[in-house]
Amino acid sequence: MTNKEIIQKQIDFWYDNIQNSRRAQLTMRNWCITLVFAIIIALSTGELKIVGYLQYIVITLPILLFWFIESLQNSMERISICKVEILEKLMCQETIPELNTDMFYISLRTNVSLKQKINLLIKSIFTTETIVLFYLLLLAGVFVLIFLLSFL
């Protein structure tokens, strides 16, 4: 197996990893919405006897938890994208240095530091538009719904 073939296999592996990460994020959003609506139904039917501001806290905690988990997943996806970029740059070189035949050798060599991982997590929590917008809209919608249900 040539070096280019080894690198191409790793690129394919990381692209699969990125696709799986995106599917997992959609699954997390579905679970979040399901859990939130289950809590709202429990609150509105009287199964969950919580009044006042505690209702907002009970509904906010799972949303914040899912927000953090999805942001963590997104930061791991960004790490995979960084690894793919490194591998693609290596693929574009005219001469590729001699590589170990282990398929994951290059991937292990392109590790991201802990500081970079934390920075990616913080960026995912606060600046990834799709994540921030989804969870802020979900929080706003849930708060309005709870407010309206409190008058029934």
Foldseek 3Di string as FASTA:
>chain_A
DDPLVLLVVLLVVLVVVLVVLVVVLVVLLVVLVVVLVVLVVCVLVVVDDDDDCVSLVVSVVSLVVSLLVNLLSVLVNVLSVVLSVVSVVQSPDPDHPDDDSPSCRSVVVSDDDPVSSVVSSVCSNPPPVVSVVVSVVVSVVSVVVVVVSVVD
